[in-house]
N, C-alpha and C. Protein backbone atom coordinates (compact mmCIF):
# COMPACT_ATOMS: atom_id res chain seq x y z
N MET A 1 1.08 -1.14 -0.05
CA MET A 1 -0.44 -0.07 -0.02
C MET A 1 1.10 1.41 0.26
N THR A 2 0.37 2.13 -0.76
CA THR A 2 1.40 3.50 -1.04
C THR A 2 1.41 4.73 -0.15
N ASP A 3 2.22 4.95 0.75
CA ASP A 3 2.10 5.52 1.79
C ASP A 3 1.58 7.35 1.47
N PRO A 4 0.89 7.49 1.94
CA PRO A 4 0.16 8.83 1.34
C PRO A 4 0.84 9.99 1.70
N ILE A 5 1.52 9.93 3.08
CA ILE A 5 2.64 10.78 3.23
C ILE A 5 3.47 11.38 2.51
N GLY A 6 4.11 9.83 1.86
CA GLY A 6 5.49 10.03 1.00
C GLY A 6 5.27 10.72 -0.20
N PRO A 7 6.08 10.67 -0.83
CA PRO A 7 6.21 10.63 -2.12
C PRO A 7 5.22 10.92 -3.14
N PRO A 8 4.57 11.98 -3.96
CA PRO A 8 3.29 12.15 -4.81
C PRO A 8 3.68 11.06 -5.70
N SER A 9 2.28 10.45 -6.15
CA SER A 9 2.07 9.96 -7.49
C SER A 9 1.99 11.19 -8.97
N ARG A 10 2.21 10.54 -10.13
CA ARG A 10 2.05 11.42 -11.13
C ARG A 10 0.44 11.58 -11.28
N SER A 11 -0.13 13.03 -11.88
CA SER A 11 -1.17 13.06 -11.55
C SER A 11 -1.86 13.41 -13.02
N ALA A 12 -2.94 12.61 -13.74
CA ALA A 12 -3.24 12.81 -15.21
C ALA A 12 -3.76 14.48 -15.15
N THR A 13 -4.50 14.93 -14.05
CA THR A 13 -5.16 16.10 -14.11
C THR A 13 -4.49 17.57 -14.13
N ALA A 14 -3.13 17.16 -13.25
CA ALA A 14 -2.15 18.41 -13.06
C ALA A 14 -1.75 19.01 -14.60
N THR A 15 -1.43 20.18 -14.78
CA THR A 15 -1.22 21.21 -15.81
C THR A 15 0.17 20.88 -15.89
N GLN A 16 1.01 20.25 -16.86
CA GLN A 16 2.33 20.15 -17.28
C GLN A 16 3.26 21.22 -16.87
N PRO A 17 4.37 20.88 -16.13
CA PRO A 17 5.19 22.23 -15.79
C PRO A 17 6.24 22.27 -16.93
N SER A 18 6.86 23.39 -16.76
CA SER A 18 7.84 23.81 -17.50
C SER A 18 8.82 22.14 -17.84
N ALA A 19 9.30 22.15 -19.35
CA ALA A 19 10.29 21.11 -19.68
C ALA A 19 11.23 20.68 -18.58
N ASP A 20 11.93 21.69 -18.27
CA ASP A 20 13.13 21.25 -17.79
C ASP A 20 12.38 20.63 -15.96
N ARG A 21 11.32 20.55 -15.57
CA ARG A 21 10.85 20.61 -14.14
C ARG A 21 10.26 18.50 -14.74
N LEU A 22 10.53 17.94 -13.64
CA LEU A 22 10.31 16.54 -13.66
C LEU A 22 9.29 16.54 -12.45
N SER A 23 9.01 17.26 -11.54
CA SER A 23 8.13 16.69 -10.53
C SER A 23 6.95 17.73 -10.95
N ARG A 24 5.68 17.04 -10.07
CA ARG A 24 4.31 17.06 -10.84
C ARG A 24 3.83 17.42 -9.27
N VAL A 25 2.22 17.82 -8.89
CA VAL A 25 2.07 17.81 -8.10
C VAL A 25 0.39 17.10 -8.45
N SER A 26 0.29 15.93 -7.44
CA SER A 26 -1.26 15.56 -7.43
C SER A 26 -2.05 15.63 -6.80
N LEU A 27 -3.09 16.30 -6.96
CA LEU A 27 -4.18 16.36 -6.52
C LEU A 27 -4.83 15.57 -5.32
N ASP A 28 -5.22 14.29 -6.23
CA ASP A 28 -5.44 13.03 -5.74
C ASP A 28 -4.58 12.46 -4.56
N SER A 29 -3.23 12.24 -4.46
CA SER A 29 -2.25 12.30 -3.76
C SER A 29 -2.19 13.16 -2.53
N LEU A 30 -2.51 13.96 -2.63
CA LEU A 30 -2.69 15.41 -1.58
C LEU A 30 -3.98 14.87 -0.87
N ILE A 31 -4.83 14.99 -1.57
CA ILE A 31 -6.31 14.43 -0.56
C ILE A 31 -6.23 13.41 0.27
N ALA A 32 -5.62 12.51 -0.34
CA ALA A 32 -5.41 10.85 0.56
C ALA A 32 -5.02 11.01 1.73
N VAL A 33 -3.97 12.07 1.46
CA VAL A 33 -3.11 11.83 3.15
C VAL A 33 -4.12 11.75 4.23
N TYR A 34 -5.30 12.97 4.13
CA TYR A 34 -6.35 12.82 4.93
C TYR A 34 -7.52 12.24 4.80
N TYR A 35 -7.96 12.32 3.45
CA TYR A 35 -9.33 11.58 3.29
C TYR A 35 -9.40 10.76 2.20
N PRO A 36 -9.52 9.01 2.76
CA PRO A 36 -9.47 8.27 1.89
C PRO A 36 -10.54 8.33 1.32
N GLU A 37 -11.85 9.09 1.62
CA GLU A 37 -12.72 9.29 0.65
C GLU A 37 -12.92 10.66 0.30
N PRO A 38 -12.20 11.19 -1.10
CA PRO A 38 -11.85 12.36 -1.50
C PRO A 38 -13.07 12.90 -1.21
N ASN A 39 -14.47 11.96 -1.72
CA ASN A 39 -15.80 13.36 -1.79
C ASN A 39 -16.07 14.05 -0.44
N LYS A 40 -15.33 13.37 0.76
CA LYS A 40 -15.63 13.99 1.43
C LYS A 40 -15.30 15.70 2.01
N LEU A 41 -14.33 15.54 1.26
CA LEU A 41 -13.48 16.96 1.41
C LEU A 41 -14.20 17.99 -0.02
N GLY A 42 -14.48 17.29 -1.03
CA GLY A 42 -15.16 18.03 -2.23
C GLY A 42 -14.90 16.91 -3.11
N VAL A 43 -16.08 17.70 -4.51
CA VAL A 43 -15.76 17.43 -5.83
C VAL A 43 -14.76 18.40 -6.97
N PHE A 44 -13.71 18.03 -6.96
CA PHE A 44 -12.66 18.48 -7.70
C PHE A 44 -12.98 18.49 -9.53
N GLN A 45 -12.73 19.73 -10.11
CA GLN A 45 -12.57 20.07 -11.71
C GLN A 45 -11.68 21.03 -11.91
N SER A 46 -10.69 20.66 -12.96
CA SER A 46 -10.04 21.69 -13.20
C SER A 46 -10.45 22.61 -14.32
N VAL A 47 -10.17 23.75 -14.19
CA VAL A 47 -10.72 24.79 -14.97
C VAL A 47 -9.66 26.03 -15.55
N ASN A 48 -9.77 26.59 -16.32
CA ASN A 48 -8.97 27.67 -16.78
C ASN A 48 -8.94 28.89 -15.97
N ALA A 49 -8.38 29.45 -15.99
CA ALA A 49 -8.33 31.36 -15.74
C ALA A 49 -9.31 31.92 -16.02
N SER A 50 -9.70 31.57 -17.59
CA SER A 50 -10.86 32.19 -18.02
C SER A 50 -11.89 32.02 -17.59
N GLU A 51 -12.31 30.25 -16.35
CA GLU A 51 -13.43 30.52 -16.70
C GLU A 51 -13.51 30.20 -14.44
N THR A 52 -12.53 31.09 -14.30
CA THR A 52 -12.29 31.32 -12.76
C THR A 52 -13.18 32.63 -12.40
N PRO A 53 -14.15 33.12 -11.27
CA PRO A 53 -14.45 34.39 -11.37
C PRO A 53 -13.16 35.11 -10.61
N ALA A 54 -13.27 36.61 -11.54
CA ALA A 54 -12.49 37.14 -11.11
C ALA A 54 -11.79 37.62 -9.37
N ASP A 55 -12.58 37.52 -8.89
CA ASP A 55 -11.96 37.51 -7.08
C ASP A 55 -11.42 36.14 -6.92
N TYR A 56 -11.40 35.41 -7.48
CA TYR A 56 -10.80 34.09 -6.80
C TYR A 56 -9.60 33.91 -7.78
N ASN A 57 -9.65 34.29 -9.42
CA ASN A 57 -8.68 34.33 -10.14
C ASN A 57 -7.45 34.90 -9.62
N HIS A 58 -7.91 35.99 -8.94
CA HIS A 58 -6.95 37.31 -8.69
C HIS A 58 -6.08 36.52 -6.88
N LEU A 59 -6.77 35.62 -6.08
CA LEU A 59 -6.46 35.11 -5.25
C LEU A 59 -5.70 34.06 -5.73
N LEU A 60 -5.82 33.34 -6.67
CA LEU A 60 -5.29 32.09 -6.75
C LEU A 60 -4.35 32.00 -8.32
N ASN A 61 -4.66 32.86 -9.10
CA ASN A 61 -3.71 32.14 -10.43
C ASN A 61 -2.46 33.49 -10.35
N HIS A 62 -1.72 32.45 -9.33
CA HIS A 62 -0.56 33.91 -9.46
C HIS A 62 0.83 32.80 -9.00
N THR A 63 1.81 33.46 -9.06
CA THR A 63 3.20 32.50 -8.12
C THR A 63 3.72 32.84 -7.04
N HIS A 64 2.86 33.69 -6.19
CA HIS A 64 3.12 34.08 -4.90
C HIS A 64 2.39 33.53 -3.70
N HIS A 65 3.14 33.47 -2.31
CA HIS A 65 2.92 32.97 -1.31
C HIS A 65 1.42 33.20 -1.17
N MET A 66 0.37 32.27 -1.20
CA MET A 66 -1.10 32.78 -0.74
C MET A 66 -0.85 33.33 0.66
N THR A 67 -0.33 32.96 1.49
CA THR A 67 -0.15 33.95 3.17
C THR A 67 -0.22 35.52 2.27
N VAL A 68 0.67 35.80 1.71
CA VAL A 68 0.81 36.97 1.25
C VAL A 68 -0.45 37.56 0.63
N THR A 69 -0.72 37.27 -0.39
CA THR A 69 -2.05 37.51 -1.17
C THR A 69 -3.20 37.53 -0.49
N VAL A 70 -3.47 36.67 0.29
CA VAL A 70 -4.58 36.67 1.13
C VAL A 70 -4.90 37.86 2.30
N GLU A 71 -3.22 37.92 2.44
CA GLU A 71 -3.48 39.46 3.49
C GLU A 71 -3.61 40.66 2.63
N ALA A 72 -2.96 40.66 1.61
CA ALA A 72 -3.16 41.89 0.88
C ALA A 72 -4.75 41.76 0.42
N TYR A 73 -5.50 41.33 0.30
CA TYR A 73 -6.80 40.95 -0.34
C TYR A 73 -7.47 41.22 0.85
N TYR A 74 -7.66 40.91 2.26
CA TYR A 74 -8.72 41.02 2.89
C TYR A 74 -8.06 42.03 4.10
N GLY A 75 -6.66 42.51 3.55
CA GLY A 75 -6.28 44.15 4.73
C GLY A 75 -6.08 43.64 6.14
N ASP A 76 -5.67 42.42 6.01
CA ASP A 76 -5.23 41.64 7.55
C ASP A 76 -4.56 40.80 7.47
N SER A 77 -3.51 40.43 8.82
CA SER A 77 -2.73 39.44 8.76
C SER A 77 -3.47 38.20 9.05
N VAL A 78 -3.32 36.70 8.47
CA VAL A 78 -3.76 35.70 9.22
C VAL A 78 -2.73 35.02 9.79
N ASN A 79 -3.40 33.86 10.51
CA ASN A 79 -2.89 32.97 11.63
C ASN A 79 -3.35 31.57 10.96
N VAL A 80 -2.15 30.94 11.31
CA VAL A 80 -2.15 29.45 10.77
C VAL A 80 -2.95 28.68 12.15
N LYS A 81 -4.01 27.80 11.83
CA LYS A 81 -4.44 27.00 12.32
C LYS A 81 -4.46 25.22 12.10
N VAL A 82 -3.44 24.57 12.45
CA VAL A 82 -3.26 23.54 12.24
C VAL A 82 -4.08 22.28 12.35
N LEU A 83 -4.85 21.55 12.00
CA LEU A 83 -6.07 20.92 12.05
C LEU A 83 -5.46 19.17 12.47
N ARG A 84 -4.51 19.01 11.28
CA ARG A 84 -3.98 17.70 11.66
C ARG A 84 -2.77 17.55 10.80
N SER A 85 -1.67 16.64 11.57
CA SER A 85 -0.20 16.62 11.03
C SER A 85 0.09 15.36 11.28
N SER A 86 1.42 15.12 10.27
CA SER A 86 1.98 13.70 10.22
C SER A 86 3.09 13.33 9.54
N ARG A 87 3.95 12.73 9.90
CA ARG A 87 5.43 12.91 9.71
C ARG A 87 5.67 11.59 9.26
N ASN A 88 6.87 11.14 8.46
CA ASN A 88 7.67 10.18 8.60
C ASN A 88 9.10 10.51 8.03
N ALA A 89 9.81 9.48 8.01
CA ALA A 89 11.10 10.21 7.77
C ALA A 89 11.74 10.65 6.83
N THR A 90 10.78 10.90 5.75
CA THR A 90 11.29 12.04 4.41
C THR A 90 10.41 13.11 4.05
N HIS A 91 8.98 12.91 4.74
CA HIS A 91 8.19 14.09 4.64
C HIS A 91 7.40 14.63 5.86
N TYR A 92 6.95 15.68 5.73
CA TYR A 92 5.95 16.15 6.52
C TYR A 92 4.77 16.81 6.44
N CYS A 93 3.39 16.18 6.22
CA CYS A 93 2.36 16.80 5.85
C CYS A 93 1.61 17.47 7.05
N ARG A 94 0.65 18.32 6.81
CA ARG A 94 -0.36 19.13 7.65
C ARG A 94 -1.53 19.59 6.87
N GLU A 95 -2.59 19.46 7.64
CA GLU A 95 -4.08 19.89 6.85
C GLU A 95 -4.43 21.28 7.59
N ILE A 96 -4.46 22.46 7.06
CA ILE A 96 -4.52 23.44 7.95
C ILE A 96 -5.94 24.57 7.54
N LEU A 97 -5.75 25.53 8.48
CA LEU A 97 -7.20 26.92 8.03
C LEU A 97 -6.05 27.70 8.16
N LEU A 98 -5.99 28.85 7.19
CA LEU A 98 -5.74 30.40 7.57
C LEU A 98 -6.55 31.24 8.15
N THR A 99 -6.65 31.71 9.18
CA THR A 99 -7.72 32.59 9.69
C THR A 99 -7.45 34.43 9.78
N LEU A 100 -8.13 35.24 9.56
CA LEU A 100 -8.02 36.46 9.71
C LEU A 100 -7.66 36.73 11.02
N GLN A 101 -6.79 37.28 11.80
CA GLN A 101 -6.06 37.98 13.14
C GLN A 101 -7.59 38.78 13.71
N LYS A 102 -7.95 39.66 12.75
CA LYS A 102 -8.96 40.48 13.90
C LYS A 102 -10.87 39.97 14.01
N SER A 103 -10.76 39.14 13.14
CA SER A 103 -11.89 38.52 12.85
C SER A 103 -12.27 36.88 13.28
N ASN A 104 -11.00 36.50 12.96
CA ASN A 104 -10.68 35.10 13.57
C ASN A 104 -11.62 34.06 12.07
N ARG A 105 -11.71 34.72 11.21
CA ARG A 105 -12.57 34.28 10.01
C ARG A 105 -11.63 33.27 9.02
N VAL A 106 -12.20 32.10 8.65
CA VAL A 106 -11.55 31.12 7.83
C VAL A 106 -11.47 31.53 6.54
N VAL A 107 -10.16 31.73 5.90
CA VAL A 107 -10.29 32.18 4.48
C VAL A 107 -9.64 31.36 3.84
N GLN A 108 -8.76 30.27 4.26
CA GLN A 108 -8.41 29.38 3.44
C GLN A 108 -7.97 27.97 3.92
N TYR A 109 -8.15 26.89 3.05
CA TYR A 109 -7.86 25.84 3.82
C TYR A 109 -7.12 25.29 2.86
N GLY A 110 -5.88 24.15 3.50
CA GLY A 110 -4.58 23.76 2.37
C GLY A 110 -4.24 22.32 3.19
N ILE A 111 -3.73 21.58 2.21
CA ILE A 111 -2.85 20.72 2.62
C ILE A 111 -1.30 20.66 2.02
N VAL A 112 -0.81 20.51 3.29
CA VAL A 112 1.02 20.90 2.56
C VAL A 112 1.66 19.52 3.10
N ARG A 113 2.43 19.03 2.02
CA ARG A 113 3.68 18.01 1.96
C ARG A 113 4.89 18.61 1.81
N LEU A 114 5.57 18.54 2.57
CA LEU A 114 7.12 19.07 2.84
C LEU A 114 8.11 18.00 2.95
N ASN A 115 8.77 18.52 1.84
CA ASN A 115 9.96 17.05 1.82
C ASN A 115 11.12 17.67 2.71
N LEU A 116 11.16 17.10 4.06
CA LEU A 116 12.24 17.70 4.70
C LEU A 116 13.68 17.87 4.69
N ALA A 117 14.14 16.97 4.05
CA ALA A 117 15.34 17.58 3.56
C ALA A 117 16.13 18.21 2.53
N THR A 118 14.84 19.04 2.10
CA THR A 118 14.68 20.29 1.51
C THR A 118 14.91 21.53 1.84
N ILE A 119 14.64 21.63 3.26
CA ILE A 119 14.70 23.08 3.76
C ILE A 119 15.96 23.09 4.90
N GLY A 120 16.37 24.19 5.25
CA GLY A 120 17.37 24.16 6.50
C GLY A 120 17.05 23.92 7.71
N GLU A 121 17.52 23.42 8.42
CA GLU A 121 17.17 23.26 10.17
C GLU A 121 16.45 24.22 10.54
N ALA A 122 16.95 25.40 10.51
CA ALA A 122 16.20 26.37 11.59
C ALA A 122 14.69 27.03 11.12
N PRO A 123 14.40 26.87 9.54
CA PRO A 123 13.13 27.06 9.19
C PRO A 123 12.30 25.88 9.43
N ARG A 124 13.10 24.72 9.01
CA ARG A 124 12.19 23.50 9.21
C ARG A 124 11.85 23.51 10.35
N THR A 125 12.77 23.73 11.75
CA THR A 125 12.07 23.90 13.01
C THR A 125 11.11 24.32 13.39
N GLU A 126 10.78 25.67 12.92
CA GLU A 126 10.03 26.60 12.87
C GLU A 126 8.59 25.96 12.34
N ILE A 127 8.68 25.63 11.03
CA ILE A 127 7.71 24.80 10.61
C ILE A 127 6.80 23.76 11.36
N LEU A 128 7.93 22.70 11.76
CA LEU A 128 7.46 21.63 12.42
C LEU A 128 6.71 22.24 13.77
N GLU A 129 6.86 23.47 14.35
CA GLU A 129 6.78 23.95 15.64
C GLU A 129 4.89 24.22 15.47
N GLU A 130 4.75 24.68 14.14
CA GLU A 130 3.41 24.90 14.03
C GLU A 130 2.01 26.05 13.94
N LYS A 131 3.46 27.32 14.36
CA LYS A 131 2.91 28.21 14.94
C LYS A 131 2.53 29.75 13.79
N LYS A 132 3.12 29.22 12.85
CA LYS A 132 3.32 30.56 11.56
C LYS A 132 3.06 29.68 10.41
N PRO A 133 2.44 30.58 9.69
CA PRO A 133 2.23 29.87 7.99
C PRO A 133 3.54 29.90 7.61
N LEU A 134 3.36 28.58 6.59
CA LEU A 134 4.59 27.93 5.90
C LEU A 134 5.10 29.44 5.28
N GLY A 135 4.23 30.08 4.34
CA GLY A 135 4.71 31.15 3.76
C GLY A 135 5.76 32.10 4.55
N ARG A 136 4.95 32.43 5.58
CA ARG A 136 5.77 33.41 6.65
C ARG A 136 7.07 32.98 6.84
N VAL A 137 7.19 31.79 7.23
CA VAL A 137 8.54 31.21 7.91
C VAL A 137 9.37 31.21 6.98
N LEU A 138 9.19 30.77 5.57
CA LEU A 138 10.11 30.52 4.30
C LEU A 138 10.63 32.34 3.93
N ILE A 139 9.85 33.24 4.30
CA ILE A 139 10.23 34.55 3.91
C ILE A 139 10.92 35.32 4.79
N GLU A 140 10.97 34.82 6.11
CA GLU A 140 11.47 35.57 7.54
C GLU A 140 12.76 34.64 7.31
N TYR A 141 13.30 33.79 6.90
CA TYR A 141 14.48 32.77 6.90
C TYR A 141 14.92 33.48 5.56
N GLN A 142 14.36 33.84 4.28
CA GLN A 142 14.95 34.24 3.36
C GLN A 142 15.26 32.84 2.43
N VAL A 143 14.47 31.96 2.68
CA VAL A 143 14.90 30.74 2.02
C VAL A 143 14.67 31.12 0.64
N LEU A 144 15.37 30.66 -0.55
CA LEU A 144 15.34 31.14 -1.75
C LEU A 144 14.25 29.97 -2.34
N ARG A 145 13.87 30.23 -2.91
CA ARG A 145 12.27 29.85 -3.35
C ARG A 145 11.56 30.19 -4.54
N GLU A 146 10.62 29.36 -5.08
CA GLU A 146 10.17 30.05 -6.23
C GLU A 146 8.57 28.72 -6.51
N ILE A 147 7.58 29.65 -6.63
CA ILE A 147 6.66 29.03 -6.71
C ILE A 147 6.07 28.78 -8.16
N GLU A 148 5.45 27.52 -8.58
CA GLU A 148 5.03 26.79 -9.90
C GLU A 148 3.79 26.34 -9.38
N LEU A 149 2.62 27.06 -10.20
CA LEU A 149 1.16 26.97 -10.16
C LEU A 149 1.18 25.89 -11.06
N PHE A 150 0.16 24.86 -10.87
CA PHE A 150 -0.48 23.68 -11.50
C PHE A 150 -1.88 23.92 -12.10
N ASP A 151 -2.72 23.99 -11.44
CA ASP A 151 -3.95 23.52 -11.49
C ASP A 151 -4.48 24.60 -10.72
N LEU A 152 -5.69 25.29 -11.15
CA LEU A 152 -6.99 25.80 -10.81
C LEU A 152 -7.92 24.55 -10.67
N VAL A 153 -8.60 25.00 -9.95
CA VAL A 153 -9.55 23.96 -9.54
C VAL A 153 -10.72 24.43 -9.03
N LYS A 154 -11.75 24.17 -9.50
CA LYS A 154 -13.66 24.61 -9.27
C LYS A 154 -13.56 23.06 -7.97
N VAL A 155 -14.07 23.69 -6.71
CA VAL A 155 -14.68 22.85 -5.74
C VAL A 155 -16.02 22.76 -5.53
N ASN A 156 -16.64 21.79 -5.52
CA ASN A 156 -18.18 21.37 -4.38
C ASN A 156 -17.95 21.08 -3.59
N CYS A 157 -18.02 21.95 -2.61
CA CYS A 157 -17.44 21.41 -1.10
C CYS A 157 -18.49 20.43 -0.65
N GLY A 158 -17.58 19.46 -0.15
CA GLY A 158 -17.79 17.96 0.72
C GLY A 158 -18.47 18.39 2.09
N SER A 159 -18.79 17.17 3.02
CA SER A 159 -19.27 17.64 4.15
C SER A 159 -18.04 18.53 5.26
N ALA A 160 -16.29 18.06 4.87
CA ALA A 160 -15.52 18.26 5.72
C ALA A 160 -15.36 19.88 5.57
N LEU A 161 -15.26 20.37 4.14
CA LEU A 161 -15.15 21.84 3.96
C LEU A 161 -16.42 22.79 4.57
N THR A 162 -17.61 22.22 4.13
CA THR A 162 -18.66 22.86 4.55
C THR A 162 -18.73 23.09 6.05
N SER A 163 -18.13 22.14 6.70
CA SER A 163 -18.05 22.33 8.13
C SER A 163 -16.69 23.36 8.85
N LEU A 164 -16.09 23.29 8.42
CA LEU A 164 -14.50 23.96 7.99
C LEU A 164 -14.70 25.52 7.93
N PHE A 165 -15.65 26.02 6.77
CA PHE A 165 -16.11 27.35 6.15
C PHE A 165 -17.06 27.70 6.67
N SER A 166 -18.03 26.67 7.57
CA SER A 166 -19.24 27.11 7.95
C SER A 166 -20.13 27.85 7.15
N ILE A 167 -20.49 26.43 5.94
CA ILE A 167 -21.32 26.94 4.68
C ILE A 167 -22.33 25.55 4.60
N ALA A 168 -22.95 26.08 3.35
CA ALA A 168 -23.92 24.81 3.25
C ALA A 168 -23.20 23.71 2.48
N GLU A 169 -23.27 22.86 2.44
CA GLU A 169 -22.93 22.07 1.55
C GLU A 169 -23.56 21.79 0.26
N GLY A 170 -22.17 21.69 -0.53
CA GLY A 170 -22.34 21.98 -2.17
C GLY A 170 -22.35 23.14 -2.37
N THR A 171 -22.30 24.22 -1.61
CA THR A 171 -21.43 25.56 -2.00
C THR A 171 -20.26 25.44 -2.97
N THR A 172 -19.70 26.53 -3.86
CA THR A 172 -18.79 26.07 -4.68
C THR A 172 -17.75 27.08 -4.92
N THR A 173 -16.30 26.77 -4.80
CA THR A 173 -14.94 27.53 -4.42
C THR A 173 -14.39 27.18 -5.11
N PHE A 174 -12.87 27.61 -5.06
CA PHE A 174 -12.35 27.83 -5.86
C PHE A 174 -10.78 27.40 -5.49
N GLY A 175 -10.08 26.84 -5.69
CA GLY A 175 -8.47 26.60 -4.95
C GLY A 175 -7.24 26.42 -6.33
N ARG A 176 -6.34 25.68 -5.51
CA ARG A 176 -4.95 25.31 -6.54
C ARG A 176 -4.32 24.60 -5.98
N THR A 177 -3.59 24.05 -7.11
CA THR A 177 -2.34 23.41 -6.33
C THR A 177 -1.10 24.00 -7.27
N ALA A 178 -0.07 23.45 -5.82
CA ALA A 178 1.06 24.23 -6.61
C ALA A 178 2.64 23.41 -5.89
N MET A 179 3.42 24.07 -6.62
CA MET A 179 4.85 23.18 -6.11
C MET A 179 5.70 24.62 -5.66
N ILE A 180 6.06 24.20 -4.17
CA ILE A 180 7.09 25.59 -4.02
C ILE A 180 8.77 24.90 -3.88
N TYR A 181 9.41 25.35 -4.77
CA TYR A 181 10.76 24.86 -5.21
C TYR A 181 11.78 25.47 -4.09
N CYS A 182 12.51 25.26 -3.50
CA CYS A 182 13.45 25.61 -2.35
C CYS A 182 14.84 25.30 -2.79
N ASN A 183 15.47 26.45 -2.98
CA ASN A 183 16.87 26.12 -3.41
C ASN A 183 17.15 25.28 -4.82
N LYS A 184 15.85 25.58 -5.43
CA LYS A 184 15.87 24.79 -6.94
C LYS A 184 15.57 23.32 -7.13
N GLU A 185 15.03 22.96 -5.50
CA GLU A 185 14.78 21.59 -5.55
C GLU A 185 12.98 21.61 -5.03
N PRO A 186 12.31 20.51 -5.73
CA PRO A 186 11.03 20.35 -5.39
C PRO A 186 10.85 20.09 -4.01
N ALA A 187 10.40 21.16 -3.49
CA ALA A 187 10.46 21.18 -1.95
C ALA A 187 8.91 20.90 -1.54
N ILE A 188 7.75 21.69 -1.65
CA ILE A 188 6.42 21.47 -0.92
C ILE A 188 5.58 21.71 -1.66
N GLU A 189 4.67 20.40 -1.68
CA GLU A 189 3.36 20.39 -2.20
C GLU A 189 2.08 21.28 -1.73
N LEU A 190 1.50 21.73 -2.31
CA LEU A 190 0.21 22.77 -1.94
C LEU A 190 -1.02 22.01 -2.76
N LEU A 191 -2.17 21.98 -1.76
CA LEU A 191 -3.61 22.26 -2.11
C LEU A 191 -4.00 23.04 -1.55
N GLU A 192 -4.27 24.34 -2.04
CA GLU A 192 -4.91 25.51 -1.40
C GLU A 192 -6.38 25.91 -1.59
N ILE A 193 -7.49 25.99 -0.88
CA ILE A 193 -8.86 26.38 -1.22
C ILE A 193 -9.00 27.77 -0.53
N VAL A 194 -9.60 28.59 -1.02
CA VAL A 194 -10.06 29.74 -0.48
C VAL A 194 -11.44 29.69 -0.18
N ALA A 195 -12.03 30.33 1.11
CA ALA A 195 -13.01 30.12 1.65
C ALA A 195 -14.11 31.00 0.54
N PRO A 196 -15.73 30.49 0.19
CA PRO A 196 -16.34 31.39 -1.07
C PRO A 196 -16.40 32.68 -0.06
N ILE A 197 -15.82 33.57 -1.26
CA ILE A 197 -15.97 35.06 -0.83
C ILE A 197 -17.28 35.41 -0.34
N GLU A 198 -18.04 35.14 -0.55
CA GLU A 198 -19.49 35.97 -0.59
C GLU A 198 -19.95 35.50 0.55
N VAL A 199 -19.45 34.84 1.42
CA VAL A 199 -19.39 34.08 2.82
C VAL A 199 -18.62 35.23 3.96
N LEU A 200 -17.76 35.80 3.19
CA LEU A 200 -16.76 36.57 4.36
C LEU A 200 -17.23 37.91 3.86
């Protein structure tokens, strides 16, 4: 049986990365870390930027840290809430929410899978403390990084997301998969889903 925490499988739905990149982000593999029944999280459909509403496109269709983008969009800093985390010899995974500091509103859900060998000891230790958003740690430690966007996805929220976002089941929102390269090595796989904007 494949270890869902470990290295990803290739995804047939992921956008082809640049020719010199061999890594891919598997949406199915990331979801499987915490959801053996993926529909509990949601039903996902790859979409083009032209099919993504403007505000969601602004939040997701870029190669910047979501921490920075969400903070700029809402005009408030965010805190991270780690719902679950898991670790093996090579990888660390966590399921998270980002919440606004002033209102405590949930603005983003995510699943993160980090290759531990690609991050220096100091930032790795702080990430494992689970007190700060991942992007903020990488920025503060000035880790050489590059973000590659793979897929934009439309999400029909399942029971888990509707509970976390406090919305009606079947509500639609949008997300993305991305890879953060640290020191030119594929380091961090991301599934990032923004809370439906209209409920905020």
